[in-house]
């Protein structure tokens, strides 16, 4: 059976390291790839073909509403928004596009549970 693929779109080095450590320590069997900008993430949707996307919406090359809009138009795969931009309008906008929303900082076990639910 092929490993499920997760694309992580995140620009902060400490967050990337934390997420890598989370997957390593939990011994999950996912194929992980990273994109450090929104545009690179959008390109990797077709080249990497992920089964799930972990998406930070505050990225250096795009306005957060554009990030959400463009990813919602570009993929029907599950998207979990992982963001420190925590307010009701932001959460509502992301959820209106069918994305799950997880606030930073997050508990690794909770995020892994959500991922395993979406990627049986």
PDB file of N, CA and C in Angstrom:
ATOM      1  N   UNK A   1       0.843  -1.190   0.000  1.00  0.00           N
ATOM      2  CA  UNK A   1       0.000   0.000   0.000  1.00  0.00           C
ATOM      3  C   UNK A   1       0.884   1.248   0.000  1.00  0.00           C
ATOM      4  N   UNK A   2       0.533   2.209  -0.826  1.00  0.00           N
ATOM      5  CA  UNK A   2       1.295   3.452  -0.905  1.00  0.00           C
ATOM      6  C   UNK A   2       1.055   4.300   0.333  1.00  0.00           C
ATOM      7  N   UNK A   3       2.102   5.015   0.712  1.00  0.00           N
ATOM      8  CA  UNK A   3       1.976   5.958   1.823  1.00  0.00           C
ATOM      9  C   UNK A   3       1.084   7.110   1.400  1.00  0.00           C
ATOM     10  N   UNK A   4       0.259   7.573   2.314  1.00  0.00           N
ATOM     11  CA  UNK A   4      -0.527   8.781   2.070  1.00  0.00           C
ATOM     12  C   UNK A   4       0.420   9.970   2.067  1.00  0.00           C
ATOM     13  N   UNK A   5       0.112  10.943   1.217  1.00  0.00           N
ATOM     14  CA  UNK A   5       0.993  12.100   1.057  1.00  0.00           C
ATOM     15  C   UNK A   5       0.366  13.345   1.688  1.00  0.00           C
ATOM     16  N   UNK A   6       1.194  14.063   2.432  1.00  0.00           N
ATOM     17  CA  UNK A   6       0.769  15.313   3.073  1.00  0.00           C
ATOM     18  C   UNK A   6       1.694  16.432   2.609  1.00  0.00           C
ATOM     19  N   UNK A   7       1.085  17.489   2.103  1.00  0.00           N
ATOM     20  CA  UNK A   7       1.825  18.693   1.741  1.00  0.00           C
ATOM     21  C   UNK A   7       1.658  19.702   2.866  1.00  0.00           C
ATOM     22  N   UNK A   8       2.779  20.189   3.374  1.00  0.00           N
ATOM     23  CA  UNK A   8       2.759  21.186   4.438  1.00  0.00           C
ATOM     24  C   UNK A   8       3.230  22.507   3.848  1.00  0.00           C
ATOM     25  N   UNK A   9       2.333  23.486   3.861  1.00  0.00           N
ATOM     26  CA  UNK A   9       2.648  24.815   3.325  1.00  0.00           C
ATOM     27  C   UNK A   9       2.853  25.730   4.527  1.00  0.00           C
ATOM     28  N   UNK A  10       4.111  26.041   4.780  1.00  0.00           N
ATOM     29  CA  UNK A  10       4.495  26.783   5.986  1.00  0.00           C
ATOM     30  C   UNK A  10       5.805  27.506   5.707  1.00  0.00           C
ATOM     31  N   UNK A  11       5.922  28.745   6.179  1.00  0.00           N
ATOM     32  CA  UNK A  11       7.144  29.510   5.923  1.00  0.00           C
ATOM     33  C   UNK A  11       8.032  29.699   7.143  1.00  0.00           C
ATOM     34  N   UNK A  12       7.557  29.361   8.323  1.00  0.00           N
ATOM     35  CA  UNK A  12       8.336  29.577   9.546  1.00  0.00           C
ATOM     36  C   UNK A  12       9.179  28.338   9.862  1.00  0.00           C
ATOM     37  N   UNK A  13      10.491  28.532   9.971  1.00  0.00           N
ATOM     38  CA  UNK A  13      11.415  27.414  10.207  1.00  0.00           C
ATOM     39  C   UNK A  13      11.092  26.661  11.496  1.00  0.00           C
ATOM     40  N   UNK A  14      10.739  27.379  12.567  1.00  0.00           N
ATOM     41  CA  UNK A  14      10.456  26.693  13.831  1.00  0.00           C
ATOM     42  C   UNK A  14       9.189  25.853  13.731  1.00  0.00           C
ATOM     43  N   UNK A  15       8.191  26.342  13.017  1.00  0.00           N
ATOM     44  CA  UNK A  15       6.958  25.568  12.836  1.00  0.00           C
ATOM     45  C   UNK A  15       7.224  24.337  11.977  1.00  0.00           C
ATOM     46  N   UNK A  16       8.041  24.494  10.950  1.00  0.00           N
ATOM     47  CA  UNK A  16       8.381  23.362  10.082  1.00  0.00           C
ATOM     48  C   UNK A  16       9.097  22.290  10.895  1.00  0.00           C
ATOM     49  N   UNK A  17      10.062  22.689  11.701  1.00  0.00           N
ATOM     50  CA  UNK A  17      10.798  21.722  12.522  1.00  0.00           C
ATOM     51  C   UNK A  17       9.867  21.030  13.508  1.00  0.00           C
ATOM     52  N   UNK A  18       8.970  21.782  14.127  1.00  0.00           N
ATOM     53  CA  UNK A  18       8.010  21.216  15.075  1.00  0.00           C
ATOM     54  C   UNK A  18       7.133  20.170  14.392  1.00  0.00           C
ATOM     55  N   UNK A  19       6.646  20.483  13.203  1.00  0.00           N
ATOM     56  CA  UNK A  19       5.773  19.550  12.475  1.00  0.00           C
ATOM     57  C   UNK A  19       6.559  18.309  12.055  1.00  0.00           C
ATOM     58  N   UNK A  20       7.786  18.487  11.574  1.00  0.00           N
ATOM     59  CA  UNK A  20       8.618  17.332  11.218  1.00  0.00           C
ATOM     60  C   UNK A  20       8.834  16.443  12.433  1.00  0.00           C
ATOM     61  N   UNK A  21       9.161  17.045  13.562  1.00  0.00           N
ATOM     62  CA  UNK A  21       9.366  16.278  14.795  1.00  0.00           C
ATOM     63  C   UNK A  21       8.092  15.557  15.212  1.00  0.00           C
ATOM     64  N   UNK A  22       6.958  16.210  15.055  1.00  0.00           N
ATOM     65  CA  UNK A  22       5.680  15.597  15.413  1.00  0.00           C
ATOM     66  C   UNK A  22       5.462  14.306  14.624  1.00  0.00           C
ATOM     67  N   UNK A  23       5.714  14.347  13.322  1.00  0.00           N
ATOM     68  CA  UNK A  23       5.536  13.151  12.505  1.00  0.00           C
ATOM     69  C   UNK A  23       6.591  12.090  12.822  1.00  0.00           C
ATOM     70  N   UNK A  24       7.813  12.504  13.098  1.00  0.00           N
ATOM     71  CA  UNK A  24       8.884  11.555  13.410  1.00  0.00           C
ATOM     72  C   UNK A  24       8.619  10.828  14.724  1.00  0.00           C
ATOM     73  N   UNK A  25       8.305  11.581  15.760  1.00  0.00           N
ATOM     74  CA  UNK A  25       8.081  11.008  17.085  1.00  0.00           C
ATOM     75  C   UNK A  25       6.860  10.088  17.102  1.00  0.00           C
ATOM     76  N   UNK A  26       5.848  10.428  16.341  1.00  0.00           N
ATOM     77  CA  UNK A  26       4.617   9.632  16.349  1.00  0.00           C
ATOM     78  C   UNK A  26       4.707   8.395  15.454  1.00  0.00           C
ATOM     79  N   UNK A  27       5.803   8.260  14.721  1.00  0.00           N
ATOM     80  CA  UNK A  27       6.022   7.098  13.843  1.00  0.00           C
ATOM     81  C   UNK A  27       4.898   6.921  12.830  1.00  0.00           C
ATOM     82  N   UNK A  28       4.373   8.015  12.345  1.00  0.00           N
ATOM     83  CA  UNK A  28       3.341   7.935  11.321  1.00  0.00           C
ATOM     84  C   UNK A  28       3.972   7.523   9.999  1.00  0.00           C
ATOM     85  N   UNK A  29       3.175   6.962   9.150  1.00  0.00           N
ATOM     86  CA  UNK A  29       3.673   6.431   7.888  1.00  0.00           C
ATOM     87  C   UNK A  29       3.169   7.287   6.723  1.00  0.00           C
ATOM     88  N   UNK A  30       3.525   8.562   6.748  1.00  0.00           N
ATOM     89  CA  UNK A  30       3.114   9.479   5.689  1.00  0.00           C
ATOM     90  C   UNK A  30       4.325   9.927   4.890  1.00  0.00           C
ATOM     91  N   UNK A  31       4.094  10.211   3.635  1.00  0.00           N
ATOM     92  CA  UNK A  31       5.109  10.825   2.791  1.00  0.00           C
ATOM     93  C   UNK A  31       4.867  12.334   2.880  1.00  0.00           C
ATOM     94  N   UNK A  32       5.828  13.063   3.432  1.00  0.00           N
ATOM     95  CA  UNK A  32       5.665  14.488   3.719  1.00  0.00           C
ATOM     96  C   UNK A  32       6.502  15.308   2.750  1.00  0.00           C
ATOM     97  N   UNK A  33       5.924  16.408   2.265  1.00  0.00           N
ATOM     98  CA  UNK A  33       6.685  17.372   1.484  1.00  0.00           C
ATOM     99  C   UNK A  33       6.319  18.765   1.979  1.00  0.00           C
ATOM    100  N   UNK A  34       7.226  19.708   1.765  1.00  0.00           N
ATOM    101  CA  UNK A  34       7.037  21.075   2.256  1.00  0.00           C
ATOM    102  C   UNK A  34       7.043  22.073   1.111  1.00  0.00           C
ATOM    103  N   UNK A  35       6.256  23.123   1.289  1.00  0.00           N
ATOM    104  CA  UNK A  35       6.305  24.296   0.423  1.00  0.00           C
ATOM    105  C   UNK A  35       6.415  25.492   1.362  1.00  0.00           C
ATOM    106  N   UNK A  36       7.253  26.444   0.985  1.00  0.00           N
ATOM    107  CA  UNK A  36       7.527  27.568   1.874  1.00  0.00           C
ATOM    108  C   UNK A  36       6.812  28.841   1.449  1.00  0.00           C
ATOM    109  N   UNK A  37       6.116  28.788   0.314  1.00  0.00           N
ATOM    110  CA  UNK A  37       5.301  29.920  -0.146  1.00  0.00           C
ATOM    111  C   UNK A  37       3.977  29.384  -0.676  1.00  0.00           C
ATOM    112  N   UNK A  38       3.013  30.270  -0.797  1.00  0.00           N
ATOM    113  CA  UNK A  38       1.723  29.869  -1.339  1.00  0.00           C
ATOM    114  C   UNK A  38       1.815  29.402  -2.782  1.00  0.00           C
ATOM    115  N   UNK A  39       2.573  30.132  -3.599  1.00  0.00           N
ATOM    116  CA  UNK A  39       2.703  29.766  -5.020  1.00  0.00           C
ATOM    117  C   UNK A  39       3.363  28.403  -5.184  1.00  0.00           C
ATOM    118  N   UNK A  40       4.399  28.138  -4.407  1.00  0.00           N
ATOM    119  CA  UNK A  40       5.050  26.833  -4.469  1.00  0.00           C
ATOM    120  C   UNK A  40       4.078  25.735  -4.036  1.00  0.00           C
ATOM    121  N   UNK A  41       3.316  26.013  -3.010  1.00  0.00           N
ATOM    122  CA  UNK A  41       2.308  25.045  -2.551  1.00  0.00           C
ATOM    123  C   UNK A  41       1.285  24.731  -3.629  1.00  0.00           C
ATOM    124  N   UNK A  42       0.820  25.758  -4.309  1.00  0.00           N
ATOM    125  CA  UNK A  42      -0.144  25.555  -5.393  1.00  0.00           C
ATOM    126  C   UNK A  42       0.471  24.712  -6.513  1.00  0.00           C
ATOM    127  N   UNK A  43       1.725  24.943  -6.834  1.00  0.00           N
ATOM    128  CA  UNK A  43       2.401  24.149  -7.863  1.00  0.00           C
ATOM    129  C   UNK A  43       2.539  22.688  -7.423  1.00  0.00           C
ATOM    130  N   UNK A  44       2.842  22.484  -6.151  1.00  0.00           N
ATOM    131  CA  UNK A  44       3.038  21.129  -5.648  1.00  0.00           C
ATOM    132  C   UNK A  44       1.742  20.329  -5.558  1.00  0.00           C
ATOM    133  N   UNK A  45       0.609  20.996  -5.653  1.00  0.00           N
ATOM    134  CA  UNK A  45      -0.650  20.250  -5.688  1.00  0.00           C
ATOM    135  C   UNK A  45      -0.665  19.291  -6.876  1.00  0.00           C
ATOM    136  N   UNK A  46      -0.103  19.724  -8.004  1.00  0.00           N
ATOM    137  CA  UNK A  46      -0.094  18.847  -9.186  1.00  0.00           C
ATOM    138  C   UNK A  46       1.158  17.983  -9.262  1.00  0.00           C
ATOM    139  N   UNK A  47       2.301  18.472  -8.787  1.00  0.00           N
ATOM    140  CA  UNK A  47       3.522  17.682  -8.907  1.00  0.00           C
ATOM    141  C   UNK A  47       3.651  16.632  -7.801  1.00  0.00           C
ATOM    142  N   UNK A  48       3.275  16.963  -6.593  1.00  0.00           N
ATOM    143  CA  UNK A  48       3.355  16.040  -5.460  1.00  0.00           C
ATOM    144  C   UNK A  48       2.062  15.250  -5.293  1.00  0.00           C
ATOM    145  N   UNK A  49       0.941  15.851  -5.706  1.00  0.00           N
ATOM    146  CA  UNK A  49      -0.384  15.249  -5.617  1.00  0.00           C
ATOM    147  C   UNK A  49      -0.704  14.745  -4.203  1.00  0.00           C
ATOM    148  N   UNK A  50      -0.767  15.658  -3.235  1.00  0.00           N
ATOM    149  CA  UNK A  50      -0.990  15.233  -1.846  1.00  0.00           C
ATOM    150  C   UNK A  50      -2.409  14.737  -1.604  1.00  0.00           C
ATOM    151  N   UNK A  51      -2.529  13.912  -0.579  1.00  0.00           N
ATOM    152  CA  UNK A  51      -3.841  13.431  -0.129  1.00  0.00           C
ATOM    153  C   UNK A  51      -4.460  14.385   0.879  1.00  0.00           C
ATOM    154  N   UNK A  52      -3.621  15.235   1.490  1.00  0.00           N
ATOM    155  CA  UNK A  52      -4.071  16.191   2.495  1.00  0.00           C
ATOM    156  C   UNK A  52      -3.070  17.342   2.517  1.00  0.00           C
ATOM    157  N   UNK A  53      -3.564  18.538   2.828  1.00  0.00           N
ATOM    158  CA  UNK A  53      -2.712  19.725   2.905  1.00  0.00           C
ATOM    159  C   UNK A  53      -2.834  20.335   4.298  1.00  0.00           C
ATOM    160  N   UNK A  54      -1.687  20.587   4.936  1.00  0.00           N
ATOM    161  CA  UNK A  54      -1.631  21.406   6.144  1.00  0.00           C
ATOM    162  C   UNK A  54      -1.196  22.783   5.675  1.00  0.00           C
ATOM    163  N   UNK A  55      -2.017  23.770   5.902  1.00  0.00           N
ATOM    164  CA  UNK A  55      -1.821  25.074   5.283  1.00  0.00           C
ATOM    165  C   UNK A  55      -1.772  26.203   6.293  1.00  0.00           C
ATOM    166  N   UNK A  56      -0.615  26.849   6.365  1.00  0.00           N
ATOM    167  CA  UNK A  56      -0.532  28.111   7.094  1.00  0.00           C
ATOM    168  C   UNK A  56      -1.054  29.170   6.131  1.00  0.00           C
ATOM    169  N   UNK A  57      -1.880  30.064   6.595  1.00  0.00           N
ATOM    170  CA  UNK A  57      -2.464  31.044   5.670  1.00  0.00           C
ATOM    171  C   UNK A  57      -1.734  32.382   5.677  1.00  0.00           C
ATOM    172  N   UNK A  58      -0.791  32.548   6.595  1.00  0.00           N
ATOM    173  CA  UNK A  58       0.006  33.773   6.608  1.00  0.00           C
ATOM    174  C   UNK A  58       1.346  33.430   5.964  1.00  0.00           C
ATOM    175  N   UNK A  59       1.466  33.751   4.687  1.00  0.00           N
ATOM    176  CA  UNK A  59       2.644  33.400   3.898  1.00  0.00           C
ATOM    177  C   UNK A  59       3.247  34.658   3.280  1.00  0.00           C
ATOM    178  N   UNK A  60       4.539  34.626   2.961  1.00  0.00           N
ATOM    179  CA  UNK A  60       5.208  35.846   2.513  1.00  0.00           C
ATOM    180  C   UNK A  60       4.809  36.341   1.131  1.00  0.00           C
ATOM    181  N   UNK A  61       4.243  35.483   0.305  1.00  0.00           N
ATOM    182  CA  UNK A  61       3.991  35.877  -1.081  1.00  0.00           C
ATOM    183  C   UNK A  61       2.525  36.112  -1.423  1.00  0.00           C
ATOM    184  N   UNK A  62       1.620  35.870  -0.469  1.00  0.00           N
ATOM    185  CA  UNK A  62       0.193  36.000  -0.771  1.00  0.00           C
ATOM    186  C   UNK A  62      -0.561  36.556   0.428  1.00  0.00           C
ATOM    187  N   UNK A  63      -1.629  37.283   0.155  1.00  0.00           N
ATOM    188  CA  UNK A  63      -2.558  37.734   1.194  1.00  0.00           C
ATOM    189  C   UNK A  63      -3.356  36.510   1.639  1.00  0.00           C
ATOM    190  N   UNK A  64      -3.632  36.404   2.929  1.00  0.00           N
ATOM    191  CA  UNK A  64      -4.232  35.181   3.458  1.00  0.00           C
ATOM    192  C   UNK A  64      -5.561  34.819   2.788  1.00  0.00           C
ATOM    193  N   UNK A  65      -6.379  35.822   2.448  1.00  0.00           N
ATOM    194  CA  UNK A  65      -7.652  35.494   1.792  1.00  0.00           C
ATOM    195  C   UNK A  65      -7.405  34.882   0.409  1.00  0.00           C
ATOM    196  N   UNK A  66      -6.353  35.349  -0.279  1.00  0.00           N
ATOM    197  CA  UNK A  66      -5.999  34.765  -1.580  1.00  0.00           C
ATOM    198  C   UNK A  66      -5.503  33.336  -1.415  1.00  0.00           C
ATOM    199  N   UNK A  67      -4.744  33.086  -0.349  1.00  0.00           N
ATOM    200  CA  UNK A  67      -4.265  31.726  -0.078  1.00  0.00           C
ATOM    201  C   UNK A  67      -5.468  30.783   0.040  1.00  0.00           C
ATOM    202  N   UNK A  68      -6.425  31.160   0.873  1.00  0.00           N
ATOM    203  CA  UNK A  68      -7.606  30.320   1.101  1.00  0.00           C
ATOM    204  C   UNK A  68      -8.401  30.147  -0.196  1.00  0.00           C
ATOM    205  N   UNK A  69      -8.669  31.236  -0.894  1.00  0.00           N
ATOM    206  CA  UNK A  69      -9.434  31.166  -2.146  1.00  0.00           C
ATOM    207  C   UNK A  69      -8.757  30.274  -3.181  1.00  0.00           C
ATOM    208  N   UNK A  70      -7.456  30.490  -3.389  1.00  0.00           N
ATOM    209  CA  UNK A  70      -6.765  29.746  -4.441  1.00  0.00           C
ATOM    210  C   UNK A  70      -6.634  28.268  -4.103  1.00  0.00           C
ATOM    211  N   UNK A  71      -6.381  27.932  -2.856  1.00  0.00           N
ATOM    212  CA  UNK A  71      -6.313  26.516  -2.493  1.00  0.00           C
ATOM    213  C   UNK A  71      -7.688  25.866  -2.568  1.00  0.00           C
ATOM    214  N   UNK A  72      -8.733  26.591  -2.198  1.00  0.00           N
ATOM    215  CA  UNK A  72     -10.077  26.001  -2.272  1.00  0.00           C
ATOM    216  C   UNK A  72     -10.492  25.742  -3.715  1.00  0.00           C
ATOM    217  N   UNK A  73     -10.014  26.571  -4.647  1.00  0.00           N
ATOM    218  CA  UNK A  73     -10.319  26.371  -6.061  1.00  0.00           C
ATOM    219  C   UNK A  73      -9.427  25.309  -6.698  1.00  0.00           C
ATOM    220  N   UNK A  74      -8.232  25.130  -6.164  1.00  0.00           N
ATOM    221  CA  UNK A  74      -7.242  24.259  -6.804  1.00  0.00           C
ATOM    222  C   UNK A  74      -7.325  22.798  -6.380  1.00  0.00           C
ATOM    223  N   UNK A  75      -7.979  22.507  -5.261  1.00  0.00           N
ATOM    224  CA  UNK A  75      -7.997  21.125  -4.793  1.00  0.00           C
ATOM    225  C   UNK A  75      -9.309  20.769  -4.118  1.00  0.00           C
ATOM    226  N   UNK A  76      -9.651  19.502  -4.227  1.00  0.00           N
ATOM    227  CA  UNK A  76     -10.808  18.978  -3.489  1.00  0.00           C
ATOM    228  C   UNK A  76     -10.331  18.093  -2.339  1.00  0.00           C
ATOM    229  N   UNK A  77      -9.010  18.007  -2.166  1.00  0.00           N
ATOM    230  CA  UNK A  77      -8.435  17.210  -1.074  1.00  0.00           C
ATOM    231  C   UNK A  77      -8.657  17.936   0.253  1.00  0.00           C
ATOM    232  N   UNK A  78      -8.647  17.197   1.352  1.00  0.00           N
ATOM    233  CA  UNK A  78      -8.835  17.845   2.656  1.00  0.00           C
ATOM    234  C   UNK A  78      -7.715  18.847   2.955  1.00  0.00           C
ATOM    235  N   UNK A  79      -8.115  19.976   3.522  1.00  0.00           N
ATOM    236  CA  UNK A  79      -7.165  21.011   3.914  1.00  0.00           C
ATOM    237  C   UNK A  79      -7.398  21.331   5.387  1.00  0.00           C
ATOM    238  N   UNK A  80      -6.295  21.313   6.140  1.00  0.00           N
ATOM    239  CA  UNK A  80      -6.340  21.759   7.532  1.00  0.00           C
ATOM    240  C   UNK A  80      -5.527  23.039   7.613  1.00  0.00           C
ATOM    241  N   UNK A  81      -6.199  24.123   7.938  1.00  0.00           N
ATOM    242  CA  UNK A  81      -5.512  25.396   8.122  1.00  0.00           C
ATOM    243  C   UNK A  81      -4.922  25.387   9.529  1.00  0.00           C
ATOM    244  N   UNK A  82      -3.619  25.628   9.599  1.00  0.00           N
ATOM    245  CA  UNK A  82      -2.911  25.709  10.872  1.00  0.00           C
ATOM    246  C   UNK A  82      -2.354  27.121  10.950  1.00  0.00           C
ATOM    247  N   UNK A  83      -2.953  27.942  11.815  1.00  0.00           N
ATOM    248  CA  UNK A  83      -2.588  29.354  11.785  1.00  0.00           C
ATOM    249  C   UNK A  83      -2.623  29.993  13.164  1.00  0.00           C
ATOM    250  N   UNK A  84      -1.756  30.953  13.330  1.00  0.00           N
ATOM    251  CA  UNK A  84      -1.769  31.773  14.527  1.00  0.00           C
ATOM    252  C   UNK A  84      -2.714  32.948  14.394  1.00  0.00           C
ATOM    253  N   UNK A  85      -3.248  33.143  13.197  1.00  0.00           N
ATOM    254  CA  UNK A  85      -4.207  34.221  12.953  1.00  0.00           C
ATOM    255  C   UNK A  85      -5.579  33.718  13.391  1.00  0.00           C
ATOM    256  N   UNK A  86      -5.840  33.882  14.686  1.00  0.00           N
ATOM    257  CA  UNK A  86      -7.026  33.283  15.280  1.00  0.00           C
ATOM    258  C   UNK A  86      -8.043  34.359  15.617  1.00  0.00           C
ATOM    259  N   UNK A  87      -9.035  34.466  14.780  1.00  0.00           N
ATOM    260  CA  UNK A  87     -10.176  35.310  15.085  1.00  0.00           C
ATOM    261  C   UNK A  87     -11.376  34.713  14.362  1.00  0.00           C
ATOM    262  N   UNK A  88     -12.542  35.082  14.809  1.00  0.00           N
ATOM    263  CA  UNK A  88     -13.752  34.459  14.282  1.00  0.00           C
ATOM    264  C   UNK A  88     -13.946  34.669  12.779  1.00  0.00           C
ATOM    265  N   UNK A  89     -13.741  35.879  12.238  1.00  0.00           N
ATOM    266  CA  UNK A  89     -13.907  36.052  10.795  1.00  0.00           C
ATOM    267  C   UNK A  89     -12.943  35.182   9.976  1.00  0.00           C
ATOM    268  N   UNK A  90     -11.692  35.067  10.439  1.00  0.00           N
ATOM    269  CA  UNK A  90     -10.723  34.234   9.721  1.00  0.00           C
ATOM    270  C   UNK A  90     -11.160  32.779   9.753  1.00  0.00           C
ATOM    271  N   UNK A  91     -11.489  32.293  10.930  1.00  0.00           N
ATOM    272  CA  UNK A  91     -11.940  30.905  11.086  1.00  0.00           C
ATOM    273  C   UNK A  91     -13.184  30.651  10.225  1.00  0.00           C
ATOM    274  N   UNK A  92     -14.156  31.553  10.287  1.00  0.00           N
ATOM    275  CA  UNK A  92     -15.386  31.381   9.512  1.00  0.00           C
ATOM    276  C   UNK A  92     -15.114  31.350   8.011  1.00  0.00           C
ATOM    277  N   UNK A  93     -14.207  32.219   7.545  1.00  0.00           N
ATOM    278  CA  UNK A  93     -13.880  32.262   6.126  1.00  0.00           C
ATOM    279  C   UNK A  93     -13.251  30.940   5.688  1.00  0.00           C
ATOM    280  N   UNK A  94     -12.310  30.435   6.475  1.00  0.00           N
ATOM    281  CA  UNK A  94     -11.662  29.162   6.146  1.00  0.00           C
ATOM    282  C   UNK A  94     -12.675  28.015   6.163  1.00  0.00           C
ATOM    283  N   UNK A  95     -13.500  27.977   7.182  1.00  0.00           N
ATOM    284  CA  UNK A  95     -14.483  26.911   7.295  1.00  0.00           C
ATOM    285  C   UNK A  95     -15.541  27.004   6.202  1.00  0.00           C
ATOM    286  N   UNK A  96     -15.831  28.209   5.717  1.00  0.00           N
ATOM    287  CA  UNK A  96     -16.806  28.365   4.628  1.00  0.00           C
ATOM    288  C   UNK A  96     -16.304  27.723   3.334  1.00  0.00           C
ATOM    289  N   UNK A  97     -14.991  27.534   3.242  1.00  0.00           N
ATOM    290  CA  UNK A  97     -14.388  26.878   2.072  1.00  0.00           C
ATOM    291  C   UNK A  97     -14.232  25.381   2.283  1.00  0.00           C
ATOM    292  N   UNK A  98     -14.709  24.888   3.426  1.00  0.00           N
ATOM    293  CA  UNK A  98     -14.630  23.463   3.721  1.00  0.00           C
ATOM    294  C   UNK A  98     -13.337  23.047   4.398  1.00  0.00           C
ATOM    295  N   UNK A  99     -12.541  24.012   4.848  1.00  0.00           N
ATOM    296  CA  UNK A  99     -11.273  23.711   5.498  1.00  0.00           C
ATOM    297  C   UNK A  99     -11.479  23.550   7.002  1.00  0.00           C
ATOM    298  N   UNK A 100     -10.743  22.630   7.605  1.00  0.00           N
ATOM    299  CA  UNK A 100     -10.691  22.554   9.056  1.00  0.00           C
ATOM    300  C   UNK A 100      -9.734  23.646   9.531  1.00  0.00           C
ATOM    301  N   UNK A 101      -9.904  24.108  10.746  1.00  0.00           N
ATOM    302  CA  UNK A 101      -9.066  25.188  11.269  1.00  0.00           C
ATOM    303  C   UNK A 101      -8.480  24.760  12.593  1.00  0.00           C
ATOM    304  N   UNK A 102      -7.155  24.820  12.704  1.00  0.00           N
ATOM    305  CA  UNK A 102      -6.446  24.500  13.938  1.00  0.00           C
ATOM    306  C   UNK A 102      -5.614  25.718  14.314  1.00  0.00           C
ATOM    307  N   UNK A 103      -5.767  26.170  15.539  1.00  0.00           N
ATOM    308  CA  UNK A 103      -5.046  27.351  16.015  1.00  0.00           C
ATOM    309  C   UNK A 103      -3.643  26.979  16.483  1.00  0.00           C
ATOM    310  N   UNK A 104      -2.677  27.854  16.136  1.00  0.00           N
ATOM    311  CA  UNK A 104      -1.332  27.727  16.703  1.00  0.00           C
ATOM    312  C   UNK A 104      -1.321  28.452  18.029  1.00  0.00           C
ATOM    313  N   UNK A 105      -0.662  27.954  19.021  1.00  0.00           N
ATOM    314  CA  UNK A 105      -0.016  26.653  19.060  1.00  0.00           C
ATOM    315  C   UNK A 105      -1.062  25.551  19.183  1.00  0.00           C
ATOM    316  N   UNK A 106      -0.727  24.387  18.686  1.00  0.00           N
ATOM    317  CA  UNK A 106      -1.662  23.270  18.721  1.00  0.00           C
ATOM    318  C   UNK A 106      -1.031  22.093  19.446  1.00  0.00           C
ATOM    319  N   UNK A 107      -1.883  21.164  19.860  1.00  0.00           N
ATOM    320  CA  UNK A 107      -1.405  19.943  20.502  1.00  0.00           C
ATOM    321  C   UNK A 107      -1.161  18.908  19.407  1.00  0.00           C
ATOM    322  N   UNK A 108       0.061  18.404  19.309  1.00  0.00           N
ATOM    323  CA  UNK A 108       0.383  17.463  18.231  1.00  0.00           C
ATOM    324  C   UNK A 108      -0.563  16.272  18.148  1.00  0.00           C
ATOM    325  N   UNK A 109      -0.911  15.690  19.292  1.00  0.00           N
ATOM    326  CA  UNK A 109      -1.783  14.527  19.274  1.00  0.00           C
ATOM    327  C   UNK A 109      -3.140  14.860  18.651  1.00  0.00           C
ATOM    328  N   UNK A 110      -3.677  16.019  18.968  1.00  0.00           N
ATOM    329  CA  UNK A 110      -4.976  16.423  18.405  1.00  0.00           C
ATOM    330  C   UNK A 110      -4.895  16.583  16.892  1.00  0.00           C
ATOM    331  N   UNK A 111      -3.824  17.202  16.411  1.00  0.00           N
ATOM    332  CA  UNK A 111      -3.658  17.375  14.969  1.00  0.00           C
ATOM    333  C   UNK A 111      -3.486  16.020  14.288  1.00  0.00           C
ATOM    334  N   UNK A 112      -2.692  15.147  14.870  1.00  0.00           N
ATOM    335  CA  UNK A 112      -2.497  13.813  14.285  1.00  0.00           C
ATOM    336  C   UNK A 112      -3.810  13.025  14.244  1.00  0.00           C
ATOM    337  N   UNK A 113      -4.649  13.192  15.263  1.00  0.00           N
ATOM    338  CA  UNK A 113      -5.963  12.538  15.259  1.00  0.00           C
ATOM    339  C   UNK A 113      -6.812  13.049  14.106  1.00  0.00           C
ATOM    340  N   UNK A 114      -6.815  14.348  13.887  1.00  0.00           N
ATOM    341  CA  UNK A 114      -7.596  14.913  12.774  1.00  0.00           C
ATOM    342  C   UNK A 114      -7.072  14.394  11.441  1.00  0.00           C
ATOM    343  N   UNK A 115      -5.757  14.331  11.311  1.00  0.00           N
ATOM    344  CA  UNK A 115      -5.159  13.833  10.068  1.00  0.00           C
ATOM    345  C   UNK A 115      -5.551  12.380   9.836  1.00  0.00           C
ATOM    346  N   UNK A 116      -5.447  11.551  10.870  1.00  0.00           N
ATOM    347  CA  UNK A 116      -5.770  10.126  10.703  1.00  0.00           C
ATOM    348  C   UNK A 116      -7.250   9.918  10.400  1.00  0.00           C
ATOM    349  N   UNK A 117      -8.087  10.812  10.892  1.00  0.00           N
ATOM    350  CA  UNK A 117      -9.518  10.735  10.572  1.00  0.00           C
ATOM    351  C   UNK A 117      -9.755  11.031   9.089  1.00  0.00           C
ATOM    352  N   UNK A 118      -9.020  12.013   8.560  1.00  0.00           N
ATOM    353  CA  UNK A 118      -9.187  12.412   7.160  1.00  0.00           C
ATOM    354  C   UNK A 118      -8.455  11.487   6.201  1.00  0.00           C
ATOM    355  N   UNK A 119      -7.432  10.776   6.683  1.00  0.00           N
ATOM    356  CA  UNK A 119      -6.654   9.868   5.844  1.00  0.00           C
ATOM    357  C   UNK A 119      -6.701   8.453   6.433  1.00  0.00           C
ATOM    358  N   UNK A 120      -7.841   7.792   6.324  1.00  0.00           N
ATOM    359  CA  UNK A 120      -7.960   6.447   6.912  1.00  0.00           C
ATOM    360  C   UNK A 120      -7.019   5.441   6.257  1.00  0.00           C
TER     361      UNK A 120
END
